[in-house]
C-alpha cells in the first residue's frame, strides 16, 4: 500500500516556474514507477510524465517535452515535477500516481493503482 501527497502548487504568473512534489509513504516505494497527470476544469485527466523506479527511464507526453522535468529521490520517497515557462493553459490540478513496476514507466491512467489528491496550479496571464 502506498499513500501519495502532492505539494508545491500555487498561483504563478505566466512565464514562471514551479516544482511540484509527490511524497510517498509505504514500504518499498523504490519499486514503484510514478507518473504525473493533470486535470483542468471541464477536461479529461491527461498524462504529463512518468519515471521508472530507478530513475533510469522517463517518458513525457509530446506536448510536455521541453518544459516539464520529472525526477525522484528514493531516499526521500519523493518524486518531483519541475515545470518551467508556465502558460495559462497549464492551469490544472496536478496529481501523482504510482504502480508497482520494475520496467519502463507507463502513461495510461489505468496503469496506476495509487493516486494522490492533487495540488492546484493556477497560471495567470
N, C-alpha and C. Protein backbone atom coordinates (compact mmCIF):
# COMPACT_ATOMS: atom_id res chain seq x y z
N UNK A 1 0.84 -1.18 0.00
CA UNK A 1 0.00 0.00 0.00
C UNK A 1 0.89 1.25 0.00
N UNK A 2 0.56 2.19 -0.85
CA UNK A 2 1.31 3.44 -0.96
C UNK A 2 0.34 4.60 -0.84
N UNK A 3 0.71 5.57 -0.06
CA UNK A 3 -0.08 6.80 0.04
C UNK A 3 0.75 7.95 -0.53
N UNK A 4 0.09 8.78 -1.32
CA UNK A 4 0.78 9.85 -2.03
C UNK A 4 0.19 11.20 -1.65
N UNK A 5 1.07 12.17 -1.43
CA UNK A 5 0.62 13.53 -1.10
C UNK A 5 1.40 14.51 -1.96
N UNK A 6 0.67 15.28 -2.76
CA UNK A 6 1.30 16.28 -3.61
C UNK A 6 1.38 17.62 -2.89
N UNK A 7 2.36 18.41 -3.29
CA UNK A 7 2.51 19.76 -2.77
C UNK A 7 3.28 20.59 -3.78
N UNK A 8 3.32 21.89 -3.54
CA UNK A 8 4.10 22.76 -4.40
C UNK A 8 3.31 23.58 -5.40
N UNK A 9 2.02 23.32 -5.48
CA UNK A 9 1.20 24.10 -6.40
C UNK A 9 0.97 25.51 -5.87
N UNK A 10 0.31 26.31 -6.67
CA UNK A 10 0.01 27.67 -6.26
C UNK A 10 -0.35 28.54 -7.44
N UNK A 11 -0.40 29.83 -7.17
CA UNK A 11 -0.70 30.83 -8.20
C UNK A 11 0.61 31.42 -8.70
N UNK A 12 0.82 31.40 -9.99
CA UNK A 12 2.06 31.90 -10.56
C UNK A 12 1.75 32.65 -11.85
N UNK A 13 2.55 33.63 -12.17
CA UNK A 13 2.36 34.37 -13.41
C UNK A 13 2.91 33.58 -14.59
N UNK A 14 2.35 33.84 -15.73
CA UNK A 14 2.85 33.20 -16.95
C UNK A 14 4.34 33.46 -17.11
N UNK A 15 5.05 32.42 -17.49
CA UNK A 15 6.50 32.51 -17.63
C UNK A 15 7.25 32.04 -16.40
N UNK A 16 6.54 31.89 -15.30
CA UNK A 16 7.16 31.46 -14.06
C UNK A 16 7.38 29.96 -14.01
N UNK A 17 7.90 29.50 -12.87
CA UNK A 17 8.23 28.09 -12.68
C UNK A 17 7.70 27.60 -11.34
N UNK A 18 7.48 26.31 -11.29
CA UNK A 18 7.09 25.65 -10.05
C UNK A 18 7.78 24.30 -9.98
N UNK A 19 8.02 23.83 -8.77
CA UNK A 19 8.45 22.45 -8.58
C UNK A 19 7.42 21.76 -7.70
N UNK A 20 6.76 20.81 -8.28
CA UNK A 20 5.76 20.03 -7.56
C UNK A 20 6.44 18.82 -6.93
N UNK A 21 5.95 18.43 -5.76
CA UNK A 21 6.49 17.27 -5.07
C UNK A 21 5.39 16.25 -4.83
N UNK A 22 5.78 15.01 -4.87
CA UNK A 22 4.88 13.90 -4.58
C UNK A 22 5.57 13.05 -3.52
N UNK A 23 5.11 13.17 -2.28
CA UNK A 23 5.72 12.43 -1.18
C UNK A 23 4.95 11.15 -0.94
N UNK A 24 5.67 10.06 -0.82
CA UNK A 24 5.05 8.75 -0.67
C UNK A 24 5.34 8.16 0.69
N UNK A 25 4.36 7.48 1.22
CA UNK A 25 4.56 6.68 2.42
C UNK A 25 4.28 5.24 2.06
N UNK A 26 4.87 4.35 2.79
CA UNK A 26 4.69 2.95 2.45
C UNK A 26 6.02 2.31 2.15
N UNK A 27 6.05 1.02 2.33
CA UNK A 27 7.30 0.31 2.16
C UNK A 27 7.58 0.04 0.69
N UNK A 28 8.82 -0.06 0.37
CA UNK A 28 9.28 -0.46 -0.95
C UNK A 28 8.85 0.51 -2.03
N UNK A 29 8.78 1.79 -1.70
CA UNK A 29 8.42 2.79 -2.71
C UNK A 29 9.41 2.76 -3.86
N UNK A 30 10.62 2.38 -3.58
CA UNK A 30 11.64 2.32 -4.61
C UNK A 30 11.36 1.31 -5.70
N UNK A 31 10.35 0.49 -5.55
CA UNK A 31 9.98 -0.47 -6.59
C UNK A 31 8.78 -0.01 -7.41
N UNK A 32 8.35 1.21 -7.18
CA UNK A 32 7.19 1.75 -7.87
C UNK A 32 7.59 2.76 -8.94
N UNK A 33 6.96 2.66 -10.09
CA UNK A 33 7.03 3.73 -11.08
C UNK A 33 6.01 4.80 -10.68
N UNK A 34 6.31 6.03 -11.00
CA UNK A 34 5.43 7.15 -10.62
C UNK A 34 5.15 8.02 -11.84
N UNK A 35 3.90 8.40 -11.95
CA UNK A 35 3.50 9.28 -13.04
C UNK A 35 2.87 10.55 -12.51
N UNK A 36 2.97 11.60 -13.30
CA UNK A 36 2.24 12.84 -13.04
C UNK A 36 1.17 12.99 -14.12
N UNK A 37 -0.01 13.38 -13.68
CA UNK A 37 -1.12 13.66 -14.55
C UNK A 37 -1.68 15.03 -14.18
N UNK A 38 -2.52 15.56 -15.06
CA UNK A 38 -3.18 16.81 -14.70
C UNK A 38 -4.60 16.81 -15.24
N UNK A 39 -5.45 17.58 -14.56
CA UNK A 39 -6.84 17.69 -14.98
C UNK A 39 -7.30 19.11 -14.84
N UNK A 40 -7.65 19.71 -15.96
CA UNK A 40 -8.17 21.08 -15.98
C UNK A 40 -9.69 21.03 -15.86
N UNK A 41 -10.29 22.11 -15.41
CA UNK A 41 -11.76 22.13 -15.27
C UNK A 41 -12.45 21.80 -16.58
N UNK A 42 -13.37 20.87 -16.51
CA UNK A 42 -14.14 20.51 -17.69
C UNK A 42 -13.40 19.65 -18.70
N UNK A 43 -12.19 19.24 -18.36
CA UNK A 43 -11.41 18.43 -19.30
C UNK A 43 -11.06 17.09 -18.68
N UNK A 44 -10.68 16.16 -19.54
CA UNK A 44 -10.28 14.85 -19.06
C UNK A 44 -8.88 14.90 -18.45
N UNK A 45 -8.63 13.95 -17.58
CA UNK A 45 -7.30 13.82 -16.99
C UNK A 45 -6.32 13.42 -18.09
N UNK A 46 -5.15 14.06 -18.09
CA UNK A 46 -4.18 13.76 -19.13
C UNK A 46 -2.82 13.46 -18.52
N UNK A 47 -2.08 12.64 -19.22
CA UNK A 47 -0.74 12.24 -18.79
C UNK A 47 0.24 13.38 -19.01
N UNK A 48 1.15 13.54 -18.05
CA UNK A 48 2.20 14.55 -18.17
C UNK A 48 3.56 13.89 -18.33
N UNK A 49 3.95 13.07 -17.35
CA UNK A 49 5.28 12.46 -17.36
C UNK A 49 5.29 11.29 -16.40
N UNK A 50 6.25 10.40 -16.57
CA UNK A 50 6.40 9.27 -15.65
C UNK A 50 7.87 8.90 -15.55
N UNK A 51 8.21 8.25 -14.43
CA UNK A 51 9.60 7.89 -14.17
C UNK A 51 9.65 6.48 -13.61
N UNK A 52 10.65 5.73 -14.01
CA UNK A 52 10.79 4.37 -13.52
C UNK A 52 11.31 4.36 -12.09
N UNK A 53 11.28 3.17 -11.49
CA UNK A 53 11.68 3.04 -10.09
C UNK A 53 13.12 3.48 -9.86
N UNK A 54 13.97 3.27 -10.86
CA UNK A 54 15.39 3.56 -10.71
C UNK A 54 15.79 4.92 -11.24
N UNK A 55 14.86 5.65 -11.81
CA UNK A 55 15.11 6.92 -12.49
C UNK A 55 15.80 6.75 -13.83
N UNK A 56 16.08 5.52 -14.24
CA UNK A 56 16.78 5.33 -15.49
C UNK A 56 15.92 5.73 -16.68
N UNK A 57 14.63 5.47 -16.57
CA UNK A 57 13.74 5.76 -17.69
C UNK A 57 12.71 6.82 -17.32
N UNK A 58 12.49 7.73 -18.24
CA UNK A 58 11.42 8.71 -18.11
C UNK A 58 10.66 8.78 -19.42
N UNK A 59 9.42 9.18 -19.33
CA UNK A 59 8.63 9.38 -20.53
C UNK A 59 7.74 10.60 -20.33
N UNK A 60 7.50 11.32 -21.40
CA UNK A 60 6.71 12.55 -21.34
C UNK A 60 5.65 12.54 -22.44
N UNK A 61 4.54 13.19 -22.16
CA UNK A 61 3.59 13.46 -23.22
C UNK A 61 4.27 14.39 -24.22
N UNK A 62 3.98 14.21 -25.48
CA UNK A 62 4.66 15.00 -26.51
C UNK A 62 4.54 16.50 -26.25
N UNK A 63 3.37 16.93 -25.83
CA UNK A 63 3.13 18.36 -25.63
C UNK A 63 3.83 18.91 -24.39
N UNK A 64 4.36 18.00 -23.55
CA UNK A 64 5.01 18.43 -22.32
C UNK A 64 6.54 18.44 -22.42
N UNK A 65 7.07 17.90 -23.49
CA UNK A 65 8.52 17.82 -23.63
C UNK A 65 9.12 19.21 -23.71
N UNK A 66 10.19 19.38 -22.97
CA UNK A 66 10.91 20.65 -23.03
C UNK A 66 10.68 21.55 -21.83
N UNK A 67 9.45 21.60 -21.33
CA UNK A 67 9.15 22.48 -20.19
C UNK A 67 8.97 21.72 -18.88
N UNK A 68 8.76 20.42 -18.96
CA UNK A 68 8.50 19.61 -17.79
C UNK A 68 9.66 18.64 -17.58
N UNK A 69 10.08 18.50 -16.32
CA UNK A 69 11.13 17.54 -15.98
C UNK A 69 10.72 16.76 -14.75
N UNK A 70 10.71 15.45 -14.88
CA UNK A 70 10.37 14.59 -13.75
C UNK A 70 11.65 14.00 -13.18
N UNK A 71 11.69 13.87 -11.86
CA UNK A 71 12.85 13.28 -11.19
C UNK A 71 12.38 12.66 -9.89
N UNK A 72 13.24 11.89 -9.25
CA UNK A 72 12.86 11.27 -7.97
C UNK A 72 14.07 11.12 -7.08
N UNK A 73 13.78 11.06 -5.79
CA UNK A 73 14.79 10.80 -4.77
C UNK A 73 14.23 9.70 -3.89
N UNK A 74 14.65 8.48 -4.14
CA UNK A 74 14.09 7.35 -3.39
C UNK A 74 14.47 7.38 -1.92
N UNK A 75 15.58 8.00 -1.60
CA UNK A 75 15.96 8.12 -0.18
C UNK A 75 14.96 8.99 0.57
N UNK A 76 14.31 9.89 -0.14
CA UNK A 76 13.31 10.77 0.47
C UNK A 76 11.89 10.34 0.12
N UNK A 77 11.75 9.25 -0.61
CA UNK A 77 10.42 8.79 -1.03
C UNK A 77 9.64 9.89 -1.73
N UNK A 78 10.29 10.61 -2.59
CA UNK A 78 9.67 11.77 -3.22
C UNK A 78 9.97 11.81 -4.71
N UNK A 79 8.95 12.17 -5.46
CA UNK A 79 9.09 12.39 -6.90
C UNK A 79 8.75 13.86 -7.18
N UNK A 80 9.49 14.46 -8.08
CA UNK A 80 9.33 15.87 -8.37
C UNK A 80 8.89 16.09 -9.82
N UNK A 81 8.21 17.20 -10.04
CA UNK A 81 7.90 17.65 -11.39
C UNK A 81 8.26 19.12 -11.47
N UNK A 82 9.30 19.42 -12.20
CA UNK A 82 9.71 20.80 -12.43
C UNK A 82 9.00 21.31 -13.68
N UNK A 83 8.33 22.43 -13.54
CA UNK A 83 7.60 22.99 -14.67
C UNK A 83 8.10 24.42 -14.90
N UNK A 84 8.59 24.67 -16.09
CA UNK A 84 9.13 25.98 -16.43
C UNK A 84 8.28 26.65 -17.51
N UNK A 85 8.47 27.95 -17.65
CA UNK A 85 7.77 28.72 -18.68
C UNK A 85 6.27 28.43 -18.66
N UNK A 86 5.70 28.55 -17.48
CA UNK A 86 4.28 28.20 -17.32
C UNK A 86 3.39 29.08 -18.18
N UNK A 87 2.32 28.47 -18.67
CA UNK A 87 1.34 29.14 -19.51
C UNK A 87 -0.03 29.05 -18.85
N UNK A 88 -0.93 29.96 -19.16
CA UNK A 88 -2.28 29.87 -18.57
C UNK A 88 -2.94 28.52 -18.84
N UNK A 89 -2.66 27.91 -19.96
CA UNK A 89 -3.27 26.62 -20.28
C UNK A 89 -2.70 25.47 -19.45
N UNK A 90 -1.66 25.75 -18.66
CA UNK A 90 -1.15 24.74 -17.73
C UNK A 90 -1.97 24.70 -16.44
N UNK A 91 -2.91 25.62 -16.29
CA UNK A 91 -3.76 25.64 -15.10
C UNK A 91 -4.53 24.34 -14.99
N UNK A 92 -4.38 23.67 -13.84
CA UNK A 92 -4.99 22.36 -13.65
C UNK A 92 -4.67 21.87 -12.24
N UNK A 93 -5.36 20.82 -11.85
CA UNK A 93 -4.95 20.06 -10.68
C UNK A 93 -3.93 19.02 -11.16
N UNK A 94 -2.79 19.00 -10.52
CA UNK A 94 -1.73 18.05 -10.87
C UNK A 94 -1.73 16.93 -9.84
N UNK A 95 -1.78 15.71 -10.34
CA UNK A 95 -1.86 14.53 -9.48
C UNK A 95 -0.70 13.59 -9.77
N UNK A 96 -0.20 12.95 -8.73
CA UNK A 96 0.79 11.90 -8.96
C UNK A 96 0.13 10.54 -8.69
N UNK A 97 0.70 9.54 -9.31
CA UNK A 97 0.16 8.20 -9.21
C UNK A 97 1.31 7.21 -9.22
N UNK A 98 1.09 6.04 -8.62
CA UNK A 98 2.16 5.05 -8.51
C UNK A 98 1.65 3.66 -8.87
N UNK A 99 2.54 2.87 -9.44
CA UNK A 99 2.24 1.47 -9.69
C UNK A 99 3.51 0.66 -9.43
N UNK A 100 3.31 -0.54 -8.91
CA UNK A 100 4.43 -1.45 -8.69
C UNK A 100 4.90 -1.93 -10.05
N UNK A 101 6.07 -1.47 -10.43
CA UNK A 101 6.52 -1.71 -11.80
C UNK A 101 8.03 -1.58 -11.86
N UNK A 102 8.71 -2.65 -12.20
CA UNK A 102 10.16 -2.63 -12.31
C UNK A 102 10.62 -2.45 -13.75
N UNK A 103 9.67 -2.20 -14.64
CA UNK A 103 10.01 -1.99 -16.04
C UNK A 103 9.90 -0.53 -16.44
N UNK A 104 9.62 -0.30 -17.70
CA UNK A 104 9.52 1.06 -18.21
C UNK A 104 8.28 1.75 -17.65
N UNK A 105 8.35 3.04 -17.38
CA UNK A 105 7.17 3.75 -16.86
C UNK A 105 6.09 3.87 -17.93
N UNK A 106 4.84 3.90 -17.50
CA UNK A 106 3.72 3.87 -18.44
C UNK A 106 2.90 5.15 -18.35
N UNK A 107 2.03 5.35 -19.32
CA UNK A 107 1.35 6.64 -19.45
C UNK A 107 -0.16 6.58 -19.34
N UNK A 108 -0.72 5.41 -19.20
CA UNK A 108 -2.19 5.33 -19.16
C UNK A 108 -2.69 5.44 -17.73
N UNK A 109 -3.80 6.09 -17.58
CA UNK A 109 -4.40 6.27 -16.25
C UNK A 109 -4.65 4.93 -15.59
N UNK A 110 -5.14 3.97 -16.35
CA UNK A 110 -5.50 2.67 -15.77
C UNK A 110 -4.29 1.84 -15.38
N UNK A 111 -3.10 2.27 -15.76
CA UNK A 111 -1.89 1.54 -15.36
C UNK A 111 -1.59 1.72 -13.87
N UNK A 112 -2.11 2.79 -13.28
CA UNK A 112 -1.69 3.19 -11.93
C UNK A 112 -2.71 2.79 -10.87
N UNK A 113 -2.19 2.33 -9.75
CA UNK A 113 -3.03 1.78 -8.69
C UNK A 113 -3.28 2.76 -7.55
N UNK A 114 -2.35 3.66 -7.32
CA UNK A 114 -2.44 4.57 -6.18
C UNK A 114 -2.35 6.01 -6.68
N UNK A 115 -3.20 6.85 -6.11
CA UNK A 115 -3.30 8.24 -6.54
C UNK A 115 -3.30 9.18 -5.33
N UNK A 116 -2.69 10.34 -5.53
CA UNK A 116 -2.80 11.40 -4.54
C UNK A 116 -4.04 12.24 -4.78
N UNK A 117 -4.24 13.24 -3.92
CA UNK A 117 -5.41 14.11 -4.03
C UNK A 117 -5.20 15.26 -5.00
N UNK A 118 -3.96 15.55 -5.30
CA UNK A 118 -3.67 16.61 -6.26
C UNK A 118 -3.27 17.93 -5.63
N UNK A 119 -2.59 18.74 -6.40
CA UNK A 119 -2.23 20.08 -5.99
C UNK A 119 -2.60 21.04 -7.12
N UNK A 120 -3.23 22.15 -6.76
CA UNK A 120 -3.74 23.09 -7.77
C UNK A 120 -2.62 24.00 -8.27
N UNK A 121 -2.52 24.10 -9.57
CA UNK A 121 -1.61 25.05 -10.21
C UNK A 121 -2.46 26.02 -11.02
N UNK A 122 -2.32 27.30 -10.73
CA UNK A 122 -3.06 28.33 -11.46
C UNK A 122 -2.06 29.31 -12.05
N UNK A 123 -2.14 29.50 -13.35
CA UNK A 123 -1.22 30.38 -14.05
C UNK A 123 -1.99 31.59 -14.57
N UNK A 124 -1.61 32.76 -14.13
CA UNK A 124 -2.28 33.99 -14.56
C UNK A 124 -1.54 34.59 -15.75
N UNK A 125 -2.32 35.23 -16.61
CA UNK A 125 -1.72 35.82 -17.82
C UNK A 125 -1.27 37.25 -17.57
